[in-house]
């Protein structure tokens, strides 16, 4: 399985969970998916070239 396919699958799952927000009670798995999606969009200080 190629990484792009897995990335597309993850995006589809996140979108499905986001559609549930405000309408249905989110499960623990849904919350983990949302947390993983948030983490996937963050950067380290090194990646942003911030001085320490």
Protein backbone atom coordinates (compact mmCIF):
# COMPACT_ATOMS: atom_id res chain seq x y z
CA UNK A 1 0.00 0.00 0.00
CA UNK A 2 1.47 3.34 -0.96
CA UNK A 3 1.65 6.28 1.50
CA UNK A 4 -0.61 8.51 -0.62
CA UNK A 5 -3.38 5.94 -0.46
CA UNK A 6 -3.10 5.71 3.33
CA UNK A 7 -3.11 9.49 3.56
CA UNK A 8 -6.26 9.69 1.44
CA UNK A 9 -7.92 7.02 3.60
CA UNK A 10 -7.03 8.96 6.75
CA UNK A 11 -8.44 12.18 5.30
CA UNK A 12 -11.71 10.42 4.43
CA UNK A 13 -12.00 9.02 7.97
CA UNK A 14 -11.34 12.45 9.49
CA UNK A 15 -13.99 14.03 7.25
CA UNK A 16 -16.52 11.37 8.31
CA UNK A 17 -15.80 12.07 11.99
CA UNK A 18 -16.05 15.84 11.45
CA UNK A 19 -19.53 15.34 9.94
CA UNK A 20 -20.58 13.66 13.20
CA UNK A 21 -19.47 16.64 15.30
CA UNK A 22 -22.45 18.46 16.75
CA UNK A 23 -24.88 15.78 15.60
CA UNK A 24 -23.76 12.57 17.27
CA UNK A 25 -21.86 11.60 20.38
CA UNK A 26 -18.23 11.00 19.40
CA UNK A 27 -16.63 7.74 20.47
CA UNK A 28 -13.20 7.39 22.02
CA UNK A 29 -11.91 6.27 18.61
CA UNK A 30 -13.39 9.38 16.98
CA UNK A 31 -11.58 11.58 19.49
CA UNK A 32 -8.30 9.75 18.88
CA UNK A 33 -8.73 10.25 15.12
CA UNK A 34 -9.30 13.99 15.63
CA UNK A 35 -6.27 14.23 17.92
CA UNK A 36 -4.11 12.36 15.40
CA UNK A 37 -5.28 14.69 12.65
CA UNK A 38 -4.39 17.73 14.75
CA UNK A 39 -0.96 16.29 15.60
CA UNK A 40 -0.31 15.52 11.93
CA UNK A 41 -0.61 19.24 11.13
CA UNK A 42 1.83 20.46 13.80
CA UNK A 43 5.52 21.20 13.39
CA UNK A 44 8.47 20.95 15.73
CA UNK A 45 10.63 23.95 16.60
CA UNK A 46 13.37 22.42 14.46
CA UNK A 47 11.08 22.10 11.43
CA UNK A 48 10.07 25.76 11.77
CA UNK A 49 13.71 26.81 12.37
CA UNK A 50 12.87 28.52 15.66
CA UNK A 51 15.80 29.30 17.89
CA UNK A 52 15.78 27.61 21.26
